[in-house]
């Protein structure tokens, strides 16, 4: 799978017919090895430049099962009216307090950038 380029992401904003979601989740395994500015910060910036209100990006390669639990809890919290920031915090606490995923490796990888309020 080809890694998206910053230019292609920022171009989304120029195409009015494509709606930009309020939150974009980035979990790209190879994005952190890039030396051309398209790492975690670059990709998150590109989503904001494209019109998204925020991005949720993993700071390291994540484990699938714990990330699934975290994302389900995160989105469930948002459906219950919590802000993005509070939804992430509550989801991290939920995963952290499980016996299987107590270590920060399993729940602390995701960083919320941009508008964490709505």
C-alpha atoms as a PDB file:
ATOM      1  CA  UNK A   1       0.000   0.000   0.000  1.00  0.00           C
ATOM      2  CA  UNK A   2       1.404   3.364  -0.987  1.00  0.00           C
ATOM      3  CA  UNK A   3       1.844   5.991   1.718  1.00  0.00           C
ATOM      4  CA  UNK A   4      -0.312   9.064   1.055  1.00  0.00           C
ATOM      5  CA  UNK A   5       1.673  12.179   0.205  1.00  0.00           C
ATOM      6  CA  UNK A   6       1.123  15.480   2.011  1.00  0.00           C
ATOM      7  CA  UNK A   7       0.407  17.218  -1.292  1.00  0.00           C
ATOM      8  CA  UNK A   8      -2.404  14.792  -2.115  1.00  0.00           C
ATOM      9  CA  UNK A   9      -3.974  15.253   1.318  1.00  0.00           C
ATOM     10  CA  UNK A  10      -3.803  19.048   1.316  1.00  0.00           C
ATOM     11  CA  UNK A  11      -5.282  19.075  -2.200  1.00  0.00           C
ATOM     12  CA  UNK A  12      -8.534  17.701  -0.759  1.00  0.00           C
ATOM     13  CA  UNK A  13      -9.393  21.164   0.573  1.00  0.00           C
ATOM     14  CA  UNK A  14      -9.154  22.590  -2.946  1.00  0.00           C
ATOM     15  CA  UNK A  15     -11.776  20.114  -4.180  1.00  0.00           C
ATOM     16  CA  UNK A  16     -15.018  21.435  -2.726  1.00  0.00           C
ATOM     17  CA  UNK A  17     -16.983  18.364  -3.813  1.00  0.00           C
ATOM     18  CA  UNK A  18     -15.128  16.116  -1.348  1.00  0.00           C
ATOM     19  CA  UNK A  19     -16.379  16.546   2.223  1.00  0.00           C
ATOM     20  CA  UNK A  20     -13.607  16.575   4.835  1.00  0.00           C
ATOM     21  CA  UNK A  21     -14.435  14.752   8.079  1.00  0.00           C
ATOM     22  CA  UNK A  22     -14.158  16.499  11.436  1.00  0.00           C
ATOM     23  CA  UNK A  23     -11.566  13.947  12.588  1.00  0.00           C
ATOM     24  CA  UNK A  24      -9.090  11.884  10.594  1.00  0.00           C
ATOM     25  CA  UNK A  25      -7.326   8.926  12.197  1.00  0.00           C
ATOM     26  CA  UNK A  26      -3.774   8.231  11.040  1.00  0.00           C
ATOM     27  CA  UNK A  27      -2.126   4.926  11.830  1.00  0.00           C
ATOM     28  CA  UNK A  28       0.452   4.347   9.135  1.00  0.00           C
ATOM     29  CA  UNK A  29       3.210   1.925   9.977  1.00  0.00           C
ATOM     30  CA  UNK A  30       5.890   3.333   7.671  1.00  0.00           C
ATOM     31  CA  UNK A  31       5.091   7.034   8.045  1.00  0.00           C
ATOM     32  CA  UNK A  32       7.619   7.405  10.874  1.00  0.00           C
ATOM     33  CA  UNK A  33      10.564   6.203   8.808  1.00  0.00           C
ATOM     34  CA  UNK A  34      10.175   9.041   6.304  1.00  0.00           C
ATOM     35  CA  UNK A  35      12.944  11.623   6.074  1.00  0.00           C
ATOM     36  CA  UNK A  36      11.124  14.084   3.818  1.00  0.00           C
ATOM     37  CA  UNK A  37       8.870  15.798   6.384  1.00  0.00           C
ATOM     38  CA  UNK A  38       5.948  13.449   5.865  1.00  0.00           C
ATOM     39  CA  UNK A  39       6.087  11.846   9.298  1.00  0.00           C
ATOM     40  CA  UNK A  40       3.593  12.069  12.150  1.00  0.00           C
ATOM     41  CA  UNK A  41       3.555  15.873  12.407  1.00  0.00           C
ATOM     42  CA  UNK A  42       3.605  16.393   8.635  1.00  0.00           C
ATOM     43  CA  UNK A  43       0.712  14.008   8.008  1.00  0.00           C
ATOM     44  CA  UNK A  44      -1.309  15.496  10.879  1.00  0.00           C
ATOM     45  CA  UNK A  45      -0.661  19.015   9.598  1.00  0.00           C
ATOM     46  CA  UNK A  46      -1.793  17.938   6.119  1.00  0.00           C
ATOM     47  CA  UNK A  47      -5.145  16.724   7.436  1.00  0.00           C
ATOM     48  CA  UNK A  48      -5.683  20.054   9.208  1.00  0.00           C
ATOM     49  CA  UNK A  49      -4.664  21.966   6.053  1.00  0.00           C
ATOM     50  CA  UNK A  50      -7.185  19.871   4.105  1.00  0.00           C
ATOM     51  CA  UNK A  51      -9.939  21.157   6.370  1.00  0.00           C
ATOM     52  CA  UNK A  52     -10.294  18.507   9.069  1.00  0.00           C
ATOM     53  CA  UNK A  53     -10.824  19.884  12.569  1.00  0.00           C
ATOM     54  CA  UNK A  54      -8.468  17.356  14.101  1.00  0.00           C
ATOM     55  CA  UNK A  55      -6.390  14.251  13.615  1.00  0.00           C
ATOM     56  CA  UNK A  56      -5.797  11.263  15.818  1.00  0.00           C
ATOM     57  CA  UNK A  57      -2.407   9.762  14.976  1.00  0.00           C
ATOM     58  CA  UNK A  58      -0.400   6.883  16.382  1.00  0.00           C
ATOM     59  CA  UNK A  59       3.098   7.786  17.558  1.00  0.00           C
ATOM     60  CA  UNK A  60       4.372   4.227  17.067  1.00  0.00           C
ATOM     61  CA  UNK A  61       3.386   0.944  15.452  1.00  0.00           C
ATOM     62  CA  UNK A  62       0.288  -0.192  17.315  1.00  0.00           C
ATOM     63  CA  UNK A  63      -0.936  -3.635  18.290  1.00  0.00           C
ATOM     64  CA  UNK A  64      -4.171  -4.576  16.486  1.00  0.00           C
ATOM     65  CA  UNK A  65      -6.313  -6.005  19.294  1.00  0.00           C
ATOM     66  CA  UNK A  66      -5.665  -3.271  21.844  1.00  0.00           C
ATOM     67  CA  UNK A  67      -6.104  -0.591  19.179  1.00  0.00           C
ATOM     68  CA  UNK A  68      -9.435  -2.106  18.172  1.00  0.00           C
ATOM     69  CA  UNK A  69     -10.638  -1.918  21.777  1.00  0.00           C
ATOM     70  CA  UNK A  70      -9.327   1.629  22.134  1.00  0.00           C
ATOM     71  CA  UNK A  71     -10.985   2.843  18.905  1.00  0.00           C
ATOM     72  CA  UNK A  72     -14.325   1.217  19.741  1.00  0.00           C
ATOM     73  CA  UNK A  73     -14.285   2.855  23.176  1.00  0.00           C
ATOM     74  CA  UNK A  74     -13.173   6.195  21.690  1.00  0.00           C
ATOM     75  CA  UNK A  75     -15.990   6.301  19.137  1.00  0.00           C
ATOM     76  CA  UNK A  76     -18.553   5.040  21.643  1.00  0.00           C
ATOM     77  CA  UNK A  77     -17.560   7.878  23.987  1.00  0.00           C
ATOM     78  CA  UNK A  78     -17.961  10.400  21.171  1.00  0.00           C
ATOM     79  CA  UNK A  79     -21.421   8.986  20.385  1.00  0.00           C
ATOM     80  CA  UNK A  80     -22.304   9.631  24.024  1.00  0.00           C
ATOM     81  CA  UNK A  81     -21.468  13.318  23.570  1.00  0.00           C
ATOM     82  CA  UNK A  82     -17.964  13.522  25.013  1.00  0.00           C
ATOM     83  CA  UNK A  83     -15.398  15.756  23.273  1.00  0.00           C
ATOM     84  CA  UNK A  84     -12.668  14.145  21.189  1.00  0.00           C
ATOM     85  CA  UNK A  85     -10.096  14.806  23.913  1.00  0.00           C
ATOM     86  CA  UNK A  86     -12.276  13.420  26.698  1.00  0.00           C
ATOM     87  CA  UNK A  87     -13.298  10.455  24.526  1.00  0.00           C
ATOM     88  CA  UNK A  88      -9.653   9.562  23.956  1.00  0.00           C
ATOM     89  CA  UNK A  89      -8.805   9.996  27.632  1.00  0.00           C
ATOM     90  CA  UNK A  90     -11.677   7.762  28.743  1.00  0.00           C
ATOM     91  CA  UNK A  91     -10.845   5.124  26.116  1.00  0.00           C
ATOM     92  CA  UNK A  92      -7.197   5.091  27.220  1.00  0.00           C
ATOM     93  CA  UNK A  93      -8.247   4.659  30.842  1.00  0.00           C
ATOM     94  CA  UNK A  94     -10.551   1.802  29.907  1.00  0.00           C
ATOM     95  CA  UNK A  95      -7.827  -0.050  28.001  1.00  0.00           C
ATOM     96  CA  UNK A  96      -5.196   0.794  30.638  1.00  0.00           C
ATOM     97  CA  UNK A  97      -7.297  -0.780  33.386  1.00  0.00           C
ATOM     98  CA  UNK A  98      -7.685  -4.065  31.538  1.00  0.00           C
ATOM     99  CA  UNK A  99      -5.430  -6.881  32.724  1.00  0.00           C
ATOM    100  CA  UNK A 100      -4.300  -7.676  29.194  1.00  0.00           C
ATOM    101  CA  UNK A 101      -3.351  -4.157  28.028  1.00  0.00           C
ATOM    102  CA  UNK A 102      -2.162  -2.322  31.141  1.00  0.00           C
ATOM    103  CA  UNK A 103       1.246  -1.410  29.689  1.00  0.00           C
ATOM    104  CA  UNK A 104       1.338   2.059  27.985  1.00  0.00           C
ATOM    105  CA  UNK A 105       2.520   0.428  24.747  1.00  0.00           C
ATOM    106  CA  UNK A 106      -1.072  -0.742  24.232  1.00  0.00           C
ATOM    107  CA  UNK A 107      -3.006   2.440  25.003  1.00  0.00           C
ATOM    108  CA  UNK A 108      -0.738   5.510  24.851  1.00  0.00           C
ATOM    109  CA  UNK A 109       0.212   5.559  21.154  1.00  0.00           C
ATOM    110  CA  UNK A 110      -2.502   7.928  19.931  1.00  0.00           C
ATOM    111  CA  UNK A 111      -2.082  11.705  19.942  1.00  0.00           C
ATOM    112  CA  UNK A 112      -4.953  14.082  19.255  1.00  0.00           C
ATOM    113  CA  UNK A 113      -4.011  17.180  17.266  1.00  0.00           C
ATOM    114  CA  UNK A 114      -6.160  20.131  16.321  1.00  0.00           C
ATOM    115  CA  UNK A 115      -9.624  20.749  17.731  1.00  0.00           C
ATOM    116  CA  UNK A 116     -10.196  18.281  20.541  1.00  0.00           C
ATOM    117  CA  UNK A 117     -13.407  19.965  21.658  1.00  0.00           C
ATOM    118  CA  UNK A 118     -16.141  18.982  19.199  1.00  0.00           C
END
